[in-house]
PDB file of N, CA and C in Angstrom:
ATOM      1  N   MET A   1       0.837  -1.180   0.000  1.00  0.00           N
ATOM      2  CA  MET A   1       0.000   0.000   0.000  1.00  0.00           C
ATOM      3  C   MET A   1       0.886   1.249   0.000  1.00  0.00           C
ATOM      4  N   PRO A   2       0.740   2.124  -0.964  1.00  0.00           N
ATOM      5  CA  PRO A   2       1.595   3.321  -1.045  1.00  0.00           C
ATOM      6  C   PRO A   2       1.281   4.307   0.079  1.00  0.00           C
ATOM      7  N   ILE A   3       2.302   5.081   0.437  1.00  0.00           N
ATOM      8  CA  ILE A   3       2.147   6.098   1.479  1.00  0.00           C
ATOM      9  C   ILE A   3       1.446   7.298   0.881  1.00  0.00           C
ATOM     10  N   LYS A   4       0.410   7.757   1.553  1.00  0.00           N
ATOM     11  CA  LYS A   4      -0.335   8.921   1.083  1.00  0.00           C
ATOM     12  C   LYS A   4       0.334  10.188   1.609  1.00  0.00           C
ATOM     13  N   ILE A   5       0.621  11.114   0.712  1.00  0.00           N
ATOM     14  CA  ILE A   5       1.287  12.365   1.079  1.00  0.00           C
ATOM     15  C   ILE A   5       0.321  13.505   0.803  1.00  0.00           C
ATOM     16  N   ASP A   6       0.065  14.348   1.810  1.00  0.00           N
ATOM     17  CA  ASP A   6      -0.820  15.485   1.579  1.00  0.00           C
ATOM     18  C   ASP A   6      -0.039  16.639   0.954  1.00  0.00           C
ATOM     19  N   LYS A   7      -0.748  17.687   0.576  1.00  0.00           N
ATOM     20  CA  LYS A   7      -0.135  18.814  -0.146  1.00  0.00           C
ATOM     21  C   LYS A   7       0.965  19.506   0.661  1.00  0.00           C
ATOM     22  N   SER A   8       0.770  19.669   1.969  1.00  0.00           N
ATOM     23  CA  SER A   8       1.794  20.350   2.770  1.00  0.00           C
ATOM     24  C   SER A   8       3.077  19.519   2.821  1.00  0.00           C
ATOM     25  N   GLU A   9       2.944  18.201   2.957  1.00  0.00           N
ATOM     26  CA  GLU A   9       4.126  17.339   2.963  1.00  0.00           C
ATOM     27  C   GLU A   9       4.806  17.353   1.601  1.00  0.00           C
ATOM     28  N   GLU A  10       4.017  17.417   0.559  1.00  0.00           N
ATOM     29  CA  GLU A  10       4.563  17.450  -0.801  1.00  0.00           C
ATOM     30  C   GLU A  10       5.430  18.698  -0.992  1.00  0.00           C
ATOM     31  N   LYS A  11       4.969  19.833  -0.475  1.00  0.00           N
ATOM     32  CA  LYS A  11       5.745  21.076  -0.569  1.00  0.00           C
ATOM     33  C   LYS A  11       7.065  20.945   0.192  1.00  0.00           C
ATOM     34  N   ILE A  12       7.010  20.334   1.371  1.00  0.00           N
ATOM     35  CA  ILE A  12       8.218  20.161   2.183  1.00  0.00           C
ATOM     36  C   ILE A  12       9.221  19.275   1.456  1.00  0.00           C
ATOM     37  N   ILE A  13       8.743  18.184   0.907  1.00  0.00           N
ATOM     38  CA  ILE A  13       9.625  17.259   0.184  1.00  0.00           C
ATOM     39  C   ILE A  13      10.253  17.957  -1.021  1.00  0.00           C
ATOM     40  N   PHE A  14       9.467  18.733  -1.749  1.00  0.00           N
ATOM     41  CA  PHE A  14       9.988  19.451  -2.902  1.00  0.00           C
ATOM     42  C   PHE A  14      11.068  20.445  -2.481  1.00  0.00           C
ATOM     43  N   ARG A  15      10.811  21.201  -1.405  1.00  0.00           N
ATOM     44  CA  ARG A  15      11.788  22.182  -0.928  1.00  0.00           C
ATOM     45  C   ARG A  15      13.038  21.496  -0.397  1.00  0.00           C
ATOM     46  N   LEU A  16      12.877  20.335   0.240  1.00  0.00           N
ATOM     47  CA  LEU A  16      14.003  19.581   0.777  1.00  0.00           C
ATOM     48  C   LEU A  16      14.950  19.157  -0.340  1.00  0.00           C
ATOM     49  N   ARG A  17      14.409  18.757  -1.459  1.00  0.00           N
ATOM     50  CA  ARG A  17      15.238  18.330  -2.594  1.00  0.00           C
ATOM     51  C   ARG A  17      16.128  19.451  -3.108  1.00  0.00           C
ATOM     52  N   GLU A  18      15.692  20.696  -2.940  1.00  0.00           N
ATOM     53  CA  GLU A  18      16.454  21.846  -3.433  1.00  0.00           C
ATOM     54  C   GLU A  18      17.612  22.238  -2.514  1.00  0.00           C
ATOM     55  N   LEU A  19      17.596  21.767  -1.291  1.00  0.00           N
ATOM     56  CA  LEU A  19      18.623  22.157  -0.323  1.00  0.00           C
ATOM     57  C   LEU A  19      19.955  21.464  -0.600  1.00  0.00           C
ATOM     58  N   PRO A  20      21.072  22.100  -0.191  1.00  0.00           N
ATOM     59  CA  PRO A  20      22.364  21.420  -0.252  1.00  0.00           C
ATOM     60  C   PRO A  20      22.361  20.227   0.706  1.00  0.00           C
ATOM     61  N   GLU A  21      23.215  19.260   0.454  1.00  0.00           N
ATOM     62  CA  GLU A  21      23.233  18.016   1.229  1.00  0.00           C
ATOM     63  C   GLU A  21      23.381  18.250   2.727  1.00  0.00           C
ATOM     64  N   GLU A  22      24.277  19.159   3.143  1.00  0.00           N
ATOM     65  CA  GLU A  22      24.488  19.369   4.574  1.00  0.00           C
ATOM     66  C   GLU A  22      23.239  19.940   5.252  1.00  0.00           C
ATOM     67  N   LYS A  23      22.464  20.724   4.529  1.00  0.00           N
ATOM     68  CA  LYS A  23      21.229  21.270   5.096  1.00  0.00           C
ATOM     69  C   LYS A  23      20.140  20.207   5.150  1.00  0.00           C
ATOM     70  N   LYS A  24      20.140  19.289   4.203  1.00  0.00           N
ATOM     71  CA  LYS A  24      19.132  18.226   4.200  1.00  0.00           C
ATOM     72  C   LYS A  24      19.209  17.415   5.493  1.00  0.00           C
ATOM     73  N   SER A  25      20.425  17.068   5.900  1.00  0.00           N
ATOM     74  CA  SER A  25      20.552  16.266   7.113  1.00  0.00           C
ATOM     75  C   SER A  25      20.080  17.048   8.337  1.00  0.00           C
ATOM     76  N   GLU A  26      20.333  18.358   8.374  1.00  0.00           N
ATOM     77  CA  GLU A  26      19.858  19.169   9.493  1.00  0.00           C
ATOM     78  C   GLU A  26      18.335  19.185   9.547  1.00  0.00           C
ATOM     79  N   VAL A  27      17.707  19.350   8.385  1.00  0.00           N
ATOM     80  CA  VAL A  27      16.246  19.384   8.326  1.00  0.00           C
ATOM     81  C   VAL A  27      15.673  18.029   8.728  1.00  0.00           C
ATOM     82  N   LEU A  28      16.267  16.956   8.222  1.00  0.00           N
ATOM     83  CA  LEU A  28      15.786  15.621   8.561  1.00  0.00           C
ATOM     84  C   LEU A  28      15.973  15.324  10.042  1.00  0.00           C
ATOM     85  N   ASP A  29      17.088  15.782  10.616  1.00  0.00           N
ATOM     86  CA  ASP A  29      17.300  15.615  12.052  1.00  0.00           C
ATOM     87  C   ASP A  29      16.229  16.354  12.850  1.00  0.00           C
ATOM     88  N   PHE A  30      15.898  17.557  12.393  1.00  0.00           N
ATOM     89  CA  PHE A  30      14.876  18.345  13.077  1.00  0.00           C
ATOM     90  C   PHE A  30      13.509  17.668  12.972  1.00  0.00           C
ATOM     91  N   ILE A  31      13.191  17.155  11.797  1.00  0.00           N
ATOM     92  CA  ILE A  31      11.925  16.438  11.614  1.00  0.00           C
ATOM     93  C   ILE A  31      11.885  15.217  12.526  1.00  0.00           C
ATOM     94  N   ASN A  32      13.001  14.510  12.607  1.00  0.00           N
ATOM     95  CA  ASN A  32      13.067  13.346  13.493  1.00  0.00           C
ATOM     96  C   ASN A  32      12.878  13.762  14.958  1.00  0.00           C
ATOM     97  N   PHE A  33      13.484  14.889  15.347  1.00  0.00           N
ATOM     98  CA  PHE A  33      13.312  15.410  16.705  1.00  0.00           C
ATOM     99  C   PHE A  33      11.843  15.694  16.990  1.00  0.00           C
ATOM    100  N   LEU A  34      11.165  16.338  16.037  1.00  0.00           N
ATOM    101  CA  LEU A  34       9.750  16.644  16.222  1.00  0.00           C
ATOM    102  C   LEU A  34       8.917  15.375  16.322  1.00  0.00           C
ATOM    103  N   ARG A  35       9.231  14.412  15.472  1.00  0.00           N
ATOM    104  CA  ARG A  35       8.503  13.142  15.493  1.00  0.00           C
ATOM    105  C   ARG A  35       8.715  12.437  16.833  1.00  0.00           C
ATOM    106  N   THR A  36       9.955  12.406  17.295  1.00  0.00           N
ATOM    107  CA  THR A  36      10.274  11.767  18.571  1.00  0.00           C
ATOM    108  C   THR A  36       9.572  12.490  19.710  1.00  0.00           C
ATOM    109  N   SER A  37       9.551  13.818  19.655  1.00  0.00           N
ATOM    110  CA  SER A  37       8.869  14.594  20.688  1.00  0.00           C
ATOM    111  C   SER A  37       7.389  14.262  20.728  1.00  0.00           C
ATOM    112  N   ARG A  38       6.801  14.121  19.551  1.00  0.00           N
ATOM    113  CA  ARG A  38       5.377  13.801  19.489  1.00  0.00           C
ATOM    114  C   ARG A  38       5.116  12.408  20.053  1.00  0.00           C
ATOM    115  N   ILE A  39       5.993  11.455  19.749  1.00  0.00           N
ATOM    116  CA  ILE A  39       5.843  10.096  20.283  1.00  0.00           C
ATOM    117  C   ILE A  39       5.960  10.117  21.798  1.00  0.00           C
ATOM    118  N   LYS A  40       6.944  10.859  22.323  1.00  0.00           N
ATOM    119  CA  LYS A  40       7.120  10.948  23.772  1.00  0.00           C
ATOM    120  C   LYS A  40       5.903  11.609  24.418  1.00  0.00           C
ATOM    121  N   GLU A  41       5.347  12.611  23.727  1.00  0.00           N
ATOM    122  CA  GLU A  41       4.170  13.290  24.239  1.00  0.00           C
ATOM    123  C   GLU A  41       3.015  12.303  24.376  1.00  0.00           C
ATOM    124  N   GLU A  42       2.891  11.427  23.394  1.00  0.00           N
ATOM    125  CA  GLU A  42       1.839  10.426  23.432  1.00  0.00           C
ATOM    126  C   GLU A  42       2.079   9.403  24.531  1.00  0.00           C
ATOM    127  N   LYS A  43       3.319   9.208  24.939  1.00  0.00           N
ATOM    128  CA  LYS A  43       3.645   8.239  25.988  1.00  0.00           C
ATOM    129  C   LYS A  43       3.585   8.871  27.373  1.00  0.00           C
ATOM    130  N   GLY A  44       2.985  10.020  27.505  1.00  0.00           N
ATOM    131  CA  GLY A  44       2.872  10.649  28.820  1.00  0.00           C
ATOM    132  C   GLY A  44       3.862  11.775  29.012  1.00  0.00           C
ATOM    133  N   ASP A  45       4.459  12.222  27.935  1.00  0.00           N
ATOM    134  CA  ASP A  45       5.379  13.361  27.966  1.00  0.00           C
ATOM    135  C   ASP A  45       6.513  13.152  28.963  1.00  0.00           C
ATOM    136  N   GLU A  46       7.302  12.124  28.732  1.00  0.00           N
ATOM    137  CA  GLU A  46       8.417  11.779  29.604  1.00  0.00           C
ATOM    138  C   GLU A  46       9.406  12.929  29.753  1.00  0.00           C
ATOM    139  N   PHE A  47       9.682  13.638  28.663  1.00  0.00           N
ATOM    140  CA  PHE A  47      10.656  14.730  28.702  1.00  0.00           C
ATOM    141  C   PHE A  47      10.240  15.785  29.726  1.00  0.00           C
ATOM    142  N   SER A  48       8.982  16.209  29.669  1.00  0.00           N
ATOM    143  CA  SER A  48       8.502  17.228  30.605  1.00  0.00           C
ATOM    144  C   SER A  48       8.559  16.730  32.042  1.00  0.00           C
ATOM    145  N   TYR A  49       8.250  15.466  32.231  1.00  0.00           N
ATOM    146  CA  TYR A  49       8.285  14.874  33.565  1.00  0.00           C
ATOM    147  C   TYR A  49       9.685  14.972  34.162  1.00  0.00           C
ATOM    148  N   TYR A  50      10.705  14.546  33.389  1.00  0.00           N
ATOM    149  CA  TYR A  50      12.075  14.574  33.898  1.00  0.00           C
ATOM    150  C   TYR A  50      12.614  15.995  34.017  1.00  0.00           C
ATOM    151  N   LEU A  51      12.206  16.869  33.119  1.00  0.00           N
ATOM    152  CA  LEU A  51      12.619  18.270  33.216  1.00  0.00           C
ATOM    153  C   LEU A  51      12.054  18.895  34.491  1.00  0.00           C
ATOM    154  N   GLU A  52      10.808  18.609  34.794  1.00  0.00           N
ATOM    155  CA  GLU A  52      10.205  19.145  36.004  1.00  0.00           C
ATOM    156  C   GLU A  52      10.878  18.580  37.259  1.00  0.00           C
ATOM    157  N   ARG A  53      11.241  17.297  37.239  1.00  0.00           N
ATOM    158  CA  ARG A  53      11.974  16.707  38.367  1.00  0.00           C
ATOM    159  C   ARG A  53      13.311  17.408  38.570  1.00  0.00           C
ATOM    160  N   LEU A  54      14.013  17.700  37.463  1.00  0.00           N
ATOM    161  CA  LEU A  54      15.294  18.406  37.549  1.00  0.00           C
ATOM    162  C   LEU A  54      15.103  19.799  38.125  1.00  0.00           C
ATOM    163  N   ARG A  55      14.082  20.512  37.658  1.00  0.00           N
ATOM    164  CA  ARG A  55      13.815  21.855  38.183  1.00  0.00           C
ATOM    165  C   ARG A  55      13.562  21.824  39.689  1.00  0.00           C
ATOM    166  N   LYS A  56      12.755  20.865  40.136  1.00  0.00           N
ATOM    167  CA  LYS A  56      12.456  20.759  41.573  1.00  0.00           C
ATOM    168  C   LYS A  56      13.713  20.455  42.377  1.00  0.00           C
ATOM    169  N   LYS A  57      14.556  19.572  41.855  1.00  0.00           N
ATOM    170  CA  LYS A  57      15.793  19.219  42.555  1.00  0.00           C
ATOM    171  C   LYS A  57      16.715  20.433  42.670  1.00  0.00           C
ATOM    172  N   ILE A  58      16.834  21.201  41.606  1.00  0.00           N
ATOM    173  CA  ILE A  58      17.659  22.414  41.622  1.00  0.00           C
ATOM    174  C   ILE A  58      17.101  23.406  42.639  1.00  0.00           C
ATOM    175  N   LYS A  59      15.778  23.575  42.635  1.00  0.00           N
ATOM    176  CA  LYS A  59      15.149  24.514  43.568  1.00  0.00           C
ATOM    177  C   LYS A  59      15.363  24.076  45.014  1.00  0.00           C
ATOM    178  N   GLU A  60      15.220  22.771  45.290  1.00  0.00           N
ATOM    179  CA  GLU A  60      15.414  22.252  46.649  1.00  0.00           C
ATOM    180  C   GLU A  60      16.838  22.487  47.147  1.00  0.00           C
ATOM    181  N   GLN A  61      17.804  22.475  46.219  1.00  0.00           N
ATOM    182  CA  GLN A  61      19.203  22.663  46.597  1.00  0.00           C
ATOM    183  C   GLN A  61      19.612  24.133  46.591  1.00  0.00           C
ATOM    184  N   GLY A  62      18.641  25.023  46.427  1.00  0.00           N
ATOM    185  CA  GLY A  62      18.910  26.450  46.519  1.00  0.00           C
ATOM    186  C   GLY A  62      19.228  27.132  45.203  1.00  0.00           C
ATOM    187  N   GLY A  63      18.957  26.509  44.097  1.00  0.00           N
ATOM    188  CA  GLY A  63      19.187  27.126  42.797  1.00  0.00           C
ATOM    189  C   GLY A  63      20.559  26.798  42.236  1.00  0.00           C
ATOM    190  N   LEU A  64      20.848  27.357  41.071  1.00  0.00           N
ATOM    191  CA  LEU A  64      22.113  27.061  40.391  1.00  0.00           C
ATOM    192  C   LEU A  64      23.294  27.830  40.959  1.00  0.00           C
ATOM    193  N   LYS A  65      23.060  28.981  41.555  1.00  0.00           N
ATOM    194  CA  LYS A  65      24.123  29.780  42.170  1.00  0.00           C
ATOM    195  C   LYS A  65      25.298  30.009  41.218  1.00  0.00           C
ATOM    196  N   LEU A  66      25.009  30.594  40.082  1.00  0.00           N
ATOM    197  CA  LEU A  66      26.055  30.828  39.086  1.00  0.00           C
ATOM    198  C   LEU A  66      26.824  32.110  39.333  1.00  0.00           C
ATOM    199  N   GLY A  67      26.212  33.086  39.921  1.00  0.00           N
ATOM    200  CA  GLY A  67      26.874  34.363  40.146  1.00  0.00           C
ATOM    201  C   GLY A  67      25.959  35.513  39.804  1.00  0.00           C
ATOM    202  N   ASN A  68      26.453  36.718  40.032  1.00  0.00           N
ATOM    203  CA  ASN A  68      25.639  37.910  39.797  1.00  0.00           C
ATOM    204  C   ASN A  68      26.044  38.669  38.539  1.00  0.00           C
ATOM    205  N   THR A  69      27.297  38.567  38.153  1.00  0.00           N
ATOM    206  CA  THR A  69      27.763  39.281  36.967  1.00  0.00           C
ATOM    207  C   THR A  69      28.077  38.276  35.858  1.00  0.00           C
ATOM    208  N   LYS A  70      28.236  38.823  34.667  1.00  0.00           N
ATOM    209  CA  LYS A  70      28.571  37.985  33.514  1.00  0.00           C
ATOM    210  C   LYS A  70      29.885  37.234  33.754  1.00  0.00           C
ATOM    211  N   ASP A  71      30.874  37.915  34.286  1.00  0.00           N
ATOM    212  CA  ASP A  71      32.176  37.296  34.546  1.00  0.00           C
ATOM    213  C   ASP A  71      32.086  36.184  35.593  1.00  0.00           C
ATOM    214  N   GLU A  72      31.301  36.415  36.648  1.00  0.00           N
ATOM    215  CA  GLU A  72      31.124  35.381  37.675  1.00  0.00           C
ATOM    216  C   GLU A  72      30.444  34.141  37.093  1.00  0.00           C
ATOM    217  N   ILE A  73      29.434  34.367  36.261  1.00  0.00           N
ATOM    218  CA  ILE A  73      28.711  33.256  35.640  1.00  0.00           C
ATOM    219  C   ILE A  73      29.637  32.458  34.724  1.00  0.00           C
ATOM    220  N   LEU A  74      30.410  33.157  33.890  1.00  0.00           N
ATOM    221  CA  LEU A  74      31.343  32.475  32.994  1.00  0.00           C
ATOM    222  C   LEU A  74      32.388  31.681  33.772  1.00  0.00           C
ATOM    223  N   GLN A  75      32.910  32.264  34.831  1.00  0.00           N
ATOM    224  CA  GLN A  75      33.906  31.574  35.658  1.00  0.00           C
ATOM    225  C   GLN A  75      33.318  30.309  36.263  1.00  0.00           C
ATOM    226  N   LYS A  76      32.094  30.405  36.787  1.00  0.00           N
ATOM    227  CA  LYS A  76      31.439  29.244  37.400  1.00  0.00           C
ATOM    228  C   LYS A  76      31.196  28.150  36.350  1.00  0.00           C
ATOM    229  N   LEU A  77      30.757  28.518  35.157  1.00  0.00           N
ATOM    230  CA  LEU A  77      30.527  27.535  34.097  1.00  0.00           C
ATOM    231  C   LEU A  77      31.832  26.859  33.674  1.00  0.00           C
ATOM    232  N   ARG A  78      32.910  27.630  33.606  1.00  0.00           N
ATOM    233  CA  ARG A  78      34.219  27.048  33.263  1.00  0.00           C
ATOM    234  C   ARG A  78      34.679  26.056  34.331  1.00  0.00           C
ATOM    235  N   GLU A  79      34.498  26.425  35.594  1.00  0.00           N
ATOM    236  CA  GLU A  79      34.872  25.522  36.690  1.00  0.00           C
ATOM    237  C   GLU A  79      34.056  24.233  36.635  1.00  0.00           C
ATOM    238  N   THR A  80      32.778  24.373  36.353  1.00  0.00           N
ATOM    239  CA  THR A  80      31.912  23.191  36.258  1.00  0.00           C
ATOM    240  C   THR A  80      32.342  22.307  35.105  1.00  0.00           C
ATOM    241  N   ARG A  81      32.658  22.906  33.967  1.00  0.00           N
ATOM    242  CA  ARG A  81      33.102  22.133  32.802  1.00  0.00           C
ATOM    243  C   ARG A  81      34.382  21.365  33.127  1.00  0.00           C
ATOM    244  N   LYS A  82      35.327  22.018  33.800  1.00  0.00           N
ATOM    245  CA  LYS A  82      36.580  21.348  34.186  1.00  0.00           C
ATOM    246  C   LYS A  82      36.315  20.204  35.155  1.00  0.00           C
ATOM    247  N   MET A  83      35.410  20.427  36.109  1.00  0.00           N
ATOM    248  CA  MET A  83      35.090  19.397  37.082  1.00  0.00           C
ATOM    249  C   MET A  83      34.458  18.175  36.390  1.00  0.00           C
ATOM    250  N   VAL A  84      33.530  18.425  35.485  1.00  0.00           N
ATOM    251  CA  VAL A  84      32.883  17.326  34.758  1.00  0.00           C
ATOM    252  C   VAL A  84      33.918  16.576  33.928  1.00  0.00           C
ATOM    253  N   TRP A  85      34.815  17.313  33.275  1.00  0.00           N
ATOM    254  CA  TRP A  85      35.864  16.676  32.473  1.00  0.00           C
ATOM    255  C   TRP A  85      36.697  15.734  33.342  1.00  0.00           C
ATOM    256  N   LYS A  86      37.135  16.243  34.487  1.00  0.00           N
ATOM    257  CA  LYS A  86      37.977  15.423  35.371  1.00  0.00           C
ATOM    258  C   LYS A  86      37.241  14.192  35.861  1.00  0.00           C
ATOM    259  N   GLU A  87      36.008  14.367  36.278  1.00  0.00           N
ATOM    260  CA  GLU A  87      35.242  13.254  36.845  1.00  0.00           C
ATOM    261  C   GLU A  87      34.849  12.210  35.806  1.00  0.00           C
ATOM    262  N   LYS A  88      34.492  12.648  34.610  1.00  0.00           N
ATOM    263  CA  LYS A  88      33.899  11.722  33.644  1.00  0.00           C
ATOM    264  C   LYS A  88      34.857  11.254  32.549  1.00  0.00           C
ATOM    265  N   TYR A  89      35.755  12.129  32.098  1.00  0.00           N
ATOM    266  CA  TYR A  89      36.487  11.832  30.869  1.00  0.00           C
ATOM    267  C   TYR A  89      38.001  11.761  30.989  1.00  0.00           C
ATOM    268  N   GLU A  90      38.579  12.467  31.931  1.00  0.00           N
ATOM    269  CA  GLU A  90      40.027  12.582  32.004  1.00  0.00           C
ATOM    270  C   GLU A  90      40.717  11.223  32.064  1.00  0.00           C
ATOM    271  N   ASN A  91      40.290  10.346  32.943  1.00  0.00           N
ATOM    272  CA  ASN A  91      40.911   9.041  33.074  1.00  0.00           C
ATOM    273  C   ASN A  91      40.775   8.207  31.815  1.00  0.00           C
ATOM    274  N   HIS A  92      39.651   8.297  31.179  1.00  0.00           N
ATOM    275  CA  HIS A  92      39.414   7.538  29.945  1.00  0.00           C
ATOM    276  C   HIS A  92      40.408   7.930  28.841  1.00  0.00           C
ATOM    277  N   PHE A  93      40.581   9.230  28.654  1.00  0.00           N
ATOM    278  CA  PHE A  93      41.458   9.685  27.572  1.00  0.00           C
ATOM    279  C   PHE A  93      42.936   9.641  27.937  1.00  0.00           C
ATOM    280  N   ARG A  94      43.250   9.659  29.203  1.00  0.00           N
ATOM    281  CA  ARG A  94      44.641   9.587  29.633  1.00  0.00           C
ATOM    282  C   ARG A  94      45.224   8.217  29.335  1.00  0.00           C
ATOM    283  N   HIS A  95      44.424   7.165  29.408  1.00  0.00           N
ATOM    284  CA  HIS A  95      44.910   5.806  29.206  1.00  0.00           C
ATOM    285  C   HIS A  95      45.094   5.436  27.740  1.00  0.00           C
ATOM    286  N   LYS A  96      44.635   6.262  26.852  1.00  0.00           N
ATOM    287  CA  LYS A  96      44.757   5.906  25.419  1.00  0.00           C
ATOM    288  C   LYS A  96      46.052   6.380  24.826  1.00  0.00           C
TER     289      LYS A  96
END
């Protein structure tokens, strides 16, 4: 049984064919993201559930505490990135 394509999908497919190859993959990735989001929404919106749990956990611990100025925030983010690198990846890449 052939897949039925409505007029709006037909326009999208036609426009997709005109794009350069690197843009096609970006568009297809985005379409896949939307499709996956819709599937998750149908399954009880798991993403929103976990996002809300994360927000509550952050709030219970007193917030993100990044700083008050742009420089303080950037410094805190850099420190966090270094800490995550050391904890998760440093040992793995050092042994190679």
